[in-house]
Amino acid sequence: MRIKAFSLIELMVVIAIISLLAAIALPLYQDFLCKTRANEAMNALRDIKGSIQAFASTDVDFTVGGVTWATVTEIQENLGVEIPHSRWTYTGSATASILNITATAVNSVQPGCLQGFAFTWQAVRGSNGGIMYRVSSTANSRYIRTSSLSGKI
């Protein structure tokens, strides 16, 4: 009686196919993970952008009444918006007509592609009372789409 089994060649072919699929899938997964993590900060900044409209309609400048923007807690309190900050830190600064909020990746919980990644979102009050928004990035800008955070109101 002969025992049926896989030959060594058949097993090697299966391992080669699995290795090839893993070599293709892993970079795609890492890219997806980086884009998803970067979008967490972008979504928080979209919420901030919506709240800025309400803040700007009631206050003449970004520093009125001694308002400070240095920590995420102050940003949340000033704008009445909840900002998730386990993977990103948010800091801000303001003059009477310019508000800067910087999102910086927390390196211990981010994938390698976002290590040291930071970008600054800026709201600038124009002379006509409107607000212009723009985003600048330090590196890896391929992971963020800033079109929804730029423009005028």
Protein backbone atom coordinates (compact mmCIF):
# COMPACT_ATOMS: atom_id res chain seq x y z
CA MET A 1 0.00 0.00 0.00
CA ARG A 2 1.38 3.37 -1.06
CA ILE A 3 0.92 6.50 1.15
CA LYS A 4 -0.24 9.64 -0.67
CA ALA A 5 1.57 12.85 0.39
CA PHE A 6 2.77 16.13 -1.02
CA SER A 7 6.19 16.16 -2.58
CA LEU A 8 8.86 18.59 -1.50
CA ILE A 9 8.52 20.48 -4.79
CA GLU A 10 4.77 20.99 -4.26
CA LEU A 11 5.35 22.32 -0.76
CA MET A 12 8.05 24.70 -2.01
CA VAL A 13 5.73 26.04 -4.72
CA VAL A 14 3.00 26.72 -2.13
CA ILE A 15 5.47 28.51 0.16
CA ALA A 16 6.74 30.61 -2.77
CA ILE A 17 3.18 31.65 -3.69
CA ILE A 18 2.38 32.60 -0.09
CA SER A 19 5.63 34.58 0.16
CA LEU A 20 4.85 36.44 -3.04
CA LEU A 21 1.37 37.37 -1.83
CA ALA A 22 2.75 38.54 1.51
CA ALA A 23 5.41 40.64 -0.24
CA ILE A 24 2.68 42.42 -2.19
CA ALA A 25 0.17 42.77 0.65
CA LEU A 26 2.45 44.03 3.45
CA PRO A 27 3.50 47.34 1.82
CA LEU A 28 -0.11 48.01 0.82
CA TYR A 29 -1.26 47.40 4.40
CA GLN A 30 1.45 49.68 5.81
CA ASP A 31 0.49 52.45 3.40
CA PHE A 32 -3.18 52.03 4.33
CA LEU A 33 -2.28 52.17 8.04
CA CYS A 34 -0.29 55.38 7.57
CA LYS A 35 -3.09 57.09 5.66
CA THR A 36 -5.65 56.01 8.25
CA ARG A 37 -3.58 57.27 11.18
CA ALA A 38 -2.86 60.58 9.41
CA ASN A 39 -6.57 60.99 8.73
CA GLU A 40 -7.29 60.83 12.47
CA ALA A 41 -5.57 64.18 12.88
CA MET A 42 -7.16 65.55 9.72
CA ASN A 43 -10.64 64.67 11.02
CA ALA A 44 -9.92 66.45 14.30
CA LEU A 45 -8.79 69.53 12.35
CA ARG A 46 -11.99 69.41 10.28
CA ASP A 47 -13.96 69.58 13.53
CA ILE A 48 -11.79 72.49 14.63
CA LYS A 49 -12.40 74.25 11.31
CA GLY A 50 -16.15 74.00 11.83
CA SER A 51 -15.85 75.36 15.36
CA ILE A 52 -13.62 78.23 14.24
CA GLN A 53 -16.51 79.60 12.19
CA ALA A 54 -18.64 79.92 15.33
CA PHE A 55 -15.71 81.34 17.36
CA ALA A 56 -14.80 83.84 14.63
CA SER A 57 -18.37 85.07 14.28
CA THR A 58 -18.54 86.01 17.98
CA ASP A 59 -14.98 87.24 18.60
CA VAL A 60 -13.04 89.91 16.77
CA ASP A 61 -9.65 88.24 17.22
CA PHE A 62 -8.18 84.90 18.29
CA THR A 63 -6.67 86.27 21.52
CA VAL A 64 -9.69 88.20 22.84
CA GLY A 65 -10.22 87.88 26.58
CA GLY A 66 -6.81 86.31 27.16
CA VAL A 67 -7.71 83.14 25.24
CA THR A 68 -4.70 80.84 24.89
CA TRP A 69 -4.28 77.89 22.55
CA ALA A 70 -1.14 76.20 23.91
CA THR A 71 -2.57 72.78 24.87
CA VAL A 72 -5.16 70.39 23.54
CA THR A 73 -7.32 71.07 26.61
CA GLU A 74 -7.35 74.80 25.89
CA ILE A 75 -8.17 74.19 22.21
CA GLN A 76 -11.06 71.92 23.21
CA GLU A 77 -12.40 74.40 25.77
CA ASN A 78 -12.12 77.42 23.47
CA LEU A 79 -13.90 75.75 20.58
CA GLY A 80 -16.19 73.30 22.37
CA VAL A 81 -14.92 70.36 20.34
CA GLU A 82 -13.61 66.95 21.44
CA ILE A 83 -10.19 66.11 20.01
CA PRO A 84 -8.87 62.55 20.32
CA HIS A 85 -5.24 62.89 21.35
CA SER A 86 -3.86 59.43 22.06
CA ARG A 87 -1.89 59.21 18.78
CA TRP A 88 -1.41 62.92 18.07
CA THR A 89 -0.51 65.91 20.20
CA TYR A 90 -2.02 69.28 19.41
CA THR A 91 -0.50 72.62 20.28
CA GLY A 92 -1.51 76.07 19.23
CA SER A 93 -0.52 79.69 19.15
CA ALA A 94 -2.37 82.79 18.11
CA THR A 95 -2.10 86.44 17.31
CA ALA A 96 -5.08 88.71 16.84
CA SER A 97 -5.60 87.58 13.24
CA ILE A 98 -3.74 84.24 12.92
CA LEU A 99 -4.39 80.93 14.68
CA ASN A 100 -1.87 78.09 14.27
CA ILE A 101 -2.64 74.56 15.43
CA THR A 102 0.11 71.96 15.06
CA ALA A 103 -0.60 68.24 15.07
CA THR A 104 2.45 66.12 15.91
CA ALA A 105 2.57 62.33 15.77
CA VAL A 106 3.18 60.54 19.07
CA ASN A 107 6.11 58.39 17.95
CA SER A 108 5.55 55.54 20.41
CA VAL A 109 2.17 54.62 18.89
CA GLN A 110 2.63 55.51 15.23
CA PRO A 111 3.99 53.34 12.42
CA GLY A 112 7.42 54.16 11.04
CA CYS A 113 6.07 56.20 8.14
CA LEU A 114 4.67 58.80 10.56
CA GLN A 115 7.59 58.98 12.98
CA GLY A 116 8.44 62.64 13.46
CA PHE A 117 5.51 63.70 11.27
CA ALA A 118 3.89 67.06 12.02
CA PHE A 119 1.73 69.50 10.18
CA THR A 120 0.38 72.93 10.98
CA TRP A 121 -3.11 74.13 10.23
CA GLN A 122 -3.55 77.88 10.05
CA ALA A 123 -6.62 80.12 10.14
CA VAL A 124 -5.97 83.69 9.00
CA ARG A 125 -8.57 86.41 9.44
CA GLY A 126 -8.64 88.66 6.42
CA SER A 127 -9.23 92.39 6.43
CA ASN A 128 -12.74 91.82 5.08
CA GLY A 129 -13.66 89.62 8.08
CA GLY A 130 -13.41 86.33 6.18
CA ILE A 131 -11.12 83.51 7.24
CA MET A 132 -8.59 81.75 5.03
CA TYR A 133 -7.30 78.28 5.93
CA ARG A 134 -4.13 76.47 4.90
CA VAL A 135 -2.09 73.45 5.94
CA SER A 136 1.67 72.99 5.85
CA SER A 137 3.45 69.70 6.44
CA THR A 138 6.95 68.78 7.56
CA ALA A 139 7.24 65.56 5.55
CA ASN A 140 5.29 62.61 4.13
CA SER A 141 2.58 64.84 2.75
CA ARG A 142 1.40 61.97 0.59
CA TYR A 143 -0.47 60.63 3.61
CA ILE A 144 -2.68 63.68 4.09
CA ARG A 145 -5.17 65.39 1.82
CA THR A 146 -5.50 68.99 2.78
CA SER A 147 -8.06 70.14 0.24
CA SER A 148 -10.91 69.98 2.76
CA LEU A 149 -8.93 72.05 5.26
CA SER A 150 -7.85 74.79 2.88
CA GLY A 151 -9.78 77.62 1.32
CA LYS A 152 -11.81 80.63 2.43
CA ILE A 153 -14.97 81.26 4.36
